[in-house]
């Protein structure tokens, strides 16, 4: 799965273009989700193994995904962690650099810096994540931990503790 920000950032379509080109050479099905404001004409010709669509609930796709390639937005990275999918992250702007650095430190993602966004760099990162089992092991461990937590109960408990102090 390739996913870009819901708010397009200048030049970010390069992530999708490069990932599509690299994944075209692999025997995988590729889904690219794009918000309506992205210039689809900048993608070039689509490979036969690729589908481009608008919004798709990521949970429906990530249950079957072997890899996420994205801009390192907090939402898609957390969903990748929740569903146990290793990632290739190309942070483009805003908080994405910190999110990508943390995912890399956790061992769940390979990171390609924006200035290195080339087919060769993206191909090398994708190959690493798909062949080095440690990425899948690390993200699977974190996914198990996340799925064991009860976020609603945690949040309510925290709010109640604050209110009881008042």
C-alpha atoms as a PDB file:
ATOM      1  CA  UNK A   1       0.000   0.000   0.000  1.00  0.00           C
ATOM      2  CA  UNK A   2       1.204   3.466  -0.885  1.00  0.00           C
ATOM      3  CA  UNK A   3      -0.375   6.328   1.017  1.00  0.00           C
ATOM      4  CA  UNK A   4       0.263  10.061   0.860  1.00  0.00           C
ATOM      5  CA  UNK A   5      -0.957  12.886   3.064  1.00  0.00           C
ATOM      6  CA  UNK A   6      -4.606  13.888   2.863  1.00  0.00           C
ATOM      7  CA  UNK A   7      -3.326  17.450   2.418  1.00  0.00           C
ATOM      8  CA  UNK A   8      -1.038  17.512  -0.644  1.00  0.00           C
ATOM      9  CA  UNK A   9       2.431  18.944  -0.142  1.00  0.00           C
ATOM     10  CA  UNK A  10       4.491  20.289  -3.025  1.00  0.00           C
ATOM     11  CA  UNK A  11       6.377  17.562  -4.840  1.00  0.00           C
ATOM     12  CA  UNK A  12       5.175  14.754  -2.580  1.00  0.00           C
ATOM     13  CA  UNK A  13       3.750  12.886  -5.578  1.00  0.00           C
ATOM     14  CA  UNK A  14       7.384  11.839  -6.206  1.00  0.00           C
ATOM     15  CA  UNK A  15       6.977   9.303  -3.386  1.00  0.00           C
ATOM     16  CA  UNK A  16       4.090   7.603  -5.175  1.00  0.00           C
ATOM     17  CA  UNK A  17       5.723   7.786  -8.596  1.00  0.00           C
ATOM     18  CA  UNK A  18       8.920   6.185  -7.343  1.00  0.00           C
ATOM     19  CA  UNK A  19       7.170   3.496  -5.280  1.00  0.00           C
ATOM     20  CA  UNK A  20       4.899   2.557  -8.189  1.00  0.00           C
ATOM     21  CA  UNK A  21       7.897   2.213 -10.478  1.00  0.00           C
ATOM     22  CA  UNK A  22       9.801   0.031  -8.004  1.00  0.00           C
ATOM     23  CA  UNK A  23       6.818  -2.147  -7.061  1.00  0.00           C
ATOM     24  CA  UNK A  24       5.933  -2.661 -10.744  1.00  0.00           C
ATOM     25  CA  UNK A  25       8.926  -5.010 -10.917  1.00  0.00           C
ATOM     26  CA  UNK A  26       7.667  -7.178  -8.060  1.00  0.00           C
ATOM     27  CA  UNK A  27       4.955  -9.807  -8.089  1.00  0.00           C
ATOM     28  CA  UNK A  28       2.691  -7.848  -5.745  1.00  0.00           C
ATOM     29  CA  UNK A  29      -0.574  -5.977  -6.013  1.00  0.00           C
ATOM     30  CA  UNK A  30      -0.149  -2.296  -5.252  1.00  0.00           C
ATOM     31  CA  UNK A  31      -2.798   0.092  -3.989  1.00  0.00           C
ATOM     32  CA  UNK A  32      -2.140   3.845  -4.026  1.00  0.00           C
ATOM     33  CA  UNK A  33      -4.592   6.007  -2.108  1.00  0.00           C
ATOM     34  CA  UNK A  34      -4.665   9.661  -3.141  1.00  0.00           C
ATOM     35  CA  UNK A  35      -6.686  12.587  -1.866  1.00  0.00           C
ATOM     36  CA  UNK A  36      -8.674  14.382  -4.604  1.00  0.00           C
ATOM     37  CA  UNK A  37      -6.282  17.352  -4.869  1.00  0.00           C
ATOM     38  CA  UNK A  38      -3.271  15.308  -6.006  1.00  0.00           C
ATOM     39  CA  UNK A  39      -2.217  15.740  -9.643  1.00  0.00           C
ATOM     40  CA  UNK A  40      -2.837  12.188 -10.899  1.00  0.00           C
ATOM     41  CA  UNK A  41      -1.391  13.104 -14.291  1.00  0.00           C
ATOM     42  CA  UNK A  42       2.025  13.469 -12.602  1.00  0.00           C
ATOM     43  CA  UNK A  43       2.040   9.731 -11.811  1.00  0.00           C
ATOM     44  CA  UNK A  44       2.732   8.791 -15.409  1.00  0.00           C
ATOM     45  CA  UNK A  45       1.617   5.450 -16.830  1.00  0.00           C
ATOM     46  CA  UNK A  46       0.389   3.063 -14.166  1.00  0.00           C
ATOM     47  CA  UNK A  47       1.917  -0.416 -14.010  1.00  0.00           C
ATOM     48  CA  UNK A  48      -0.503  -3.324 -14.481  1.00  0.00           C
ATOM     49  CA  UNK A  49      -0.159  -4.391 -10.821  1.00  0.00           C
ATOM     50  CA  UNK A  50      -1.255  -0.978  -9.486  1.00  0.00           C
ATOM     51  CA  UNK A  51      -4.629   0.481  -8.575  1.00  0.00           C
ATOM     52  CA  UNK A  52      -5.090   4.156  -7.734  1.00  0.00           C
ATOM     53  CA  UNK A  53      -8.102   5.223  -5.728  1.00  0.00           C
ATOM     54  CA  UNK A  54      -9.341   7.914  -3.405  1.00  0.00           C
ATOM     55  CA  UNK A  55     -10.207   7.256   0.203  1.00  0.00           C
ATOM     56  CA  UNK A  56     -10.158   3.663   1.397  1.00  0.00           C
ATOM     57  CA  UNK A  57     -10.379   2.742   5.088  1.00  0.00           C
ATOM     58  CA  UNK A  58      -6.786   1.690   5.724  1.00  0.00           C
ATOM     59  CA  UNK A  59      -7.823  -1.075   8.107  1.00  0.00           C
ATOM     60  CA  UNK A  60      -9.467  -2.950   5.254  1.00  0.00           C
ATOM     61  CA  UNK A  61      -6.240  -2.924   3.266  1.00  0.00           C
ATOM     62  CA  UNK A  62      -3.639  -3.260   6.003  1.00  0.00           C
ATOM     63  CA  UNK A  63      -5.036  -6.609   7.108  1.00  0.00           C
ATOM     64  CA  UNK A  64      -3.615  -7.957   3.833  1.00  0.00           C
ATOM     65  CA  UNK A  65      -0.608  -5.686   3.258  1.00  0.00           C
ATOM     66  CA  UNK A  66       3.022  -6.759   3.317  1.00  0.00           C
ATOM     67  CA  UNK A  67       4.359  -3.200   3.171  1.00  0.00           C
ATOM     68  CA  UNK A  68       3.357   0.441   3.564  1.00  0.00           C
ATOM     69  CA  UNK A  69       5.184   3.140   1.638  1.00  0.00           C
ATOM     70  CA  UNK A  70       4.233   6.591   2.860  1.00  0.00           C
ATOM     71  CA  UNK A  71       5.074  10.167   3.782  1.00  0.00           C
ATOM     72  CA  UNK A  72       5.427   9.242   7.483  1.00  0.00           C
ATOM     73  CA  UNK A  73       2.244  10.918   8.622  1.00  0.00           C
ATOM     74  CA  UNK A  74       1.352  10.040  12.195  1.00  0.00           C
ATOM     75  CA  UNK A  75      -1.959   8.427  11.210  1.00  0.00           C
ATOM     76  CA  UNK A  76      -0.643   5.998   8.615  1.00  0.00           C
ATOM     77  CA  UNK A  77       2.386   5.079  10.737  1.00  0.00           C
ATOM     78  CA  UNK A  78       0.174   4.295  13.736  1.00  0.00           C
ATOM     79  CA  UNK A  79      -2.132   2.227  11.530  1.00  0.00           C
ATOM     80  CA  UNK A  80       0.887   0.356  10.159  1.00  0.00           C
ATOM     81  CA  UNK A  81       1.972  -0.353  13.723  1.00  0.00           C
ATOM     82  CA  UNK A  82      -1.508  -1.418  14.784  1.00  0.00           C
ATOM     83  CA  UNK A  83      -1.839  -3.849  11.876  1.00  0.00           C
ATOM     84  CA  UNK A  84       1.751  -5.097  12.059  1.00  0.00           C
ATOM     85  CA  UNK A  85       2.865  -3.891   8.627  1.00  0.00           C
ATOM     86  CA  UNK A  86       6.503  -2.834   8.113  1.00  0.00           C
ATOM     87  CA  UNK A  87       7.082   0.480   6.373  1.00  0.00           C
ATOM     88  CA  UNK A  88       9.230   2.501   4.026  1.00  0.00           C
ATOM     89  CA  UNK A  89       8.873   6.126   5.058  1.00  0.00           C
ATOM     90  CA  UNK A  90       9.770   9.232   3.067  1.00  0.00           C
ATOM     91  CA  UNK A  91       9.104  12.178   5.404  1.00  0.00           C
ATOM     92  CA  UNK A  92       8.214  15.257   3.403  1.00  0.00           C
ATOM     93  CA  UNK A  93       7.287  18.033   5.870  1.00  0.00           C
ATOM     94  CA  UNK A  94       5.814  19.042   9.221  1.00  0.00           C
ATOM     95  CA  UNK A  95       6.099  16.406  11.999  1.00  0.00           C
ATOM     96  CA  UNK A  96       6.875  13.611   9.543  1.00  0.00           C
ATOM     97  CA  UNK A  97      10.641  13.760  10.153  1.00  0.00           C
ATOM     98  CA  UNK A  98      10.187  13.010  13.851  1.00  0.00           C
ATOM     99  CA  UNK A  99       7.594  10.297  13.199  1.00  0.00           C
ATOM    100  CA  UNK A 100       9.896   8.618  10.661  1.00  0.00           C
ATOM    101  CA  UNK A 101      12.908   8.858  12.973  1.00  0.00           C
ATOM    102  CA  UNK A 102      10.962   7.177  15.782  1.00  0.00           C
ATOM    103  CA  UNK A 103       9.666   4.396  13.494  1.00  0.00           C
ATOM    104  CA  UNK A 104      13.204   3.797  12.275  1.00  0.00           C
ATOM    105  CA  UNK A 105      14.544   3.727  15.857  1.00  0.00           C
ATOM    106  CA  UNK A 106      11.864   1.153  16.738  1.00  0.00           C
ATOM    107  CA  UNK A 107      13.081  -1.000  13.840  1.00  0.00           C
ATOM    108  CA  UNK A 108       9.727  -1.038  12.034  1.00  0.00           C
ATOM    109  CA  UNK A 109      10.660   1.143   9.046  1.00  0.00           C
ATOM    110  CA  UNK A 110      13.384   2.034   6.608  1.00  0.00           C
ATOM    111  CA  UNK A 111      13.570   5.783   6.023  1.00  0.00           C
ATOM    112  CA  UNK A 112      14.517   7.544   2.802  1.00  0.00           C
ATOM    113  CA  UNK A 113      15.253  11.227   3.230  1.00  0.00           C
ATOM    114  CA  UNK A 114      13.334  13.631   1.000  1.00  0.00           C
ATOM    115  CA  UNK A 115      16.482  14.795  -0.780  1.00  0.00           C
ATOM    116  CA  UNK A 116      17.323  11.149  -1.565  1.00  0.00           C
ATOM    117  CA  UNK A 117      13.917  10.308  -3.060  1.00  0.00           C
ATOM    118  CA  UNK A 118      15.044   8.412  -6.135  1.00  0.00           C
ATOM    119  CA  UNK A 119      13.954   5.131  -7.640  1.00  0.00           C
ATOM    120  CA  UNK A 120      17.235   3.557  -6.528  1.00  0.00           C
ATOM    121  CA  UNK A 121      16.932   4.673  -2.894  1.00  0.00           C
ATOM    122  CA  UNK A 122      13.273   3.696  -2.677  1.00  0.00           C
ATOM    123  CA  UNK A 123      14.034   0.327  -4.310  1.00  0.00           C
ATOM    124  CA  UNK A 124      16.827  -0.362  -1.813  1.00  0.00           C
ATOM    125  CA  UNK A 125      14.565   0.532   1.142  1.00  0.00           C
ATOM    126  CA  UNK A 126      11.689  -1.602  -0.150  1.00  0.00           C
ATOM    127  CA  UNK A 127      14.041  -4.536  -0.720  1.00  0.00           C
ATOM    128  CA  UNK A 128      15.427  -4.218   2.821  1.00  0.00           C
ATOM    129  CA  UNK A 129      12.018  -4.120   4.441  1.00  0.00           C
ATOM    130  CA  UNK A 130      10.671  -7.016   2.402  1.00  0.00           C
ATOM    131  CA  UNK A 131      13.701  -9.279   2.860  1.00  0.00           C
ATOM    132  CA  UNK A 132      15.109  -8.486   6.306  1.00  0.00           C
ATOM    133  CA  UNK A 133      12.807 -10.365   8.702  1.00  0.00           C
ATOM    134  CA  UNK A 134      13.702  -8.084  11.611  1.00  0.00           C
ATOM    135  CA  UNK A 135      11.321  -5.383  10.318  1.00  0.00           C
ATOM    136  CA  UNK A 136       8.366  -7.774  10.395  1.00  0.00           C
ATOM    137  CA  UNK A 137       9.404  -9.167  13.774  1.00  0.00           C
ATOM    138  CA  UNK A 138       9.650  -5.716  15.377  1.00  0.00           C
ATOM    139  CA  UNK A 139       6.381  -4.417  13.946  1.00  0.00           C
ATOM    140  CA  UNK A 140       4.577  -7.641  14.901  1.00  0.00           C
ATOM    141  CA  UNK A 141       5.761  -7.275  18.512  1.00  0.00           C
ATOM    142  CA  UNK A 142       4.556  -3.670  18.673  1.00  0.00           C
ATOM    143  CA  UNK A 143       1.272  -4.579  17.018  1.00  0.00           C
ATOM    144  CA  UNK A 144       0.595  -7.242  19.645  1.00  0.00           C
ATOM    145  CA  UNK A 145       1.258  -4.731  22.415  1.00  0.00           C
ATOM    146  CA  UNK A 146      -0.977  -2.096  20.845  1.00  0.00           C
ATOM    147  CA  UNK A 147      -3.827  -4.547  20.352  1.00  0.00           C
ATOM    148  CA  UNK A 148      -3.641  -5.618  24.019  1.00  0.00           C
ATOM    149  CA  UNK A 149      -4.160  -2.061  25.245  1.00  0.00           C
ATOM    150  CA  UNK A 150      -7.603  -0.583  25.756  1.00  0.00           C
ATOM    151  CA  UNK A 151      -7.197   3.063  24.688  1.00  0.00           C
ATOM    152  CA  UNK A 152     -10.713   4.121  25.686  1.00  0.00           C
ATOM    153  CA  UNK A 153     -10.278   2.739  29.199  1.00  0.00           C
ATOM    154  CA  UNK A 154      -6.843   4.366  29.487  1.00  0.00           C
ATOM    155  CA  UNK A 155      -8.144   7.766  28.325  1.00  0.00           C
ATOM    156  CA  UNK A 156     -11.180   7.647  30.612  1.00  0.00           C
ATOM    157  CA  UNK A 157      -9.024   6.665  33.570  1.00  0.00           C
ATOM    158  CA  UNK A 158      -6.659   9.547  32.877  1.00  0.00           C
ATOM    159  CA  UNK A 159      -9.507  12.065  32.571  1.00  0.00           C
ATOM    160  CA  UNK A 160     -11.148  10.774  35.735  1.00  0.00           C
ATOM    161  CA  UNK A 161      -7.884  11.086  37.661  1.00  0.00           C
ATOM    162  CA  UNK A 162      -7.557  14.737  36.574  1.00  0.00           C
ATOM    163  CA  UNK A 163     -11.185  15.528  37.436  1.00  0.00           C
ATOM    164  CA  UNK A 164     -10.906  13.900  40.859  1.00  0.00           C
ATOM    165  CA  UNK A 165      -7.988  16.227  41.729  1.00  0.00           C
ATOM    166  CA  UNK A 166     -10.139  19.304  41.285  1.00  0.00           C
END
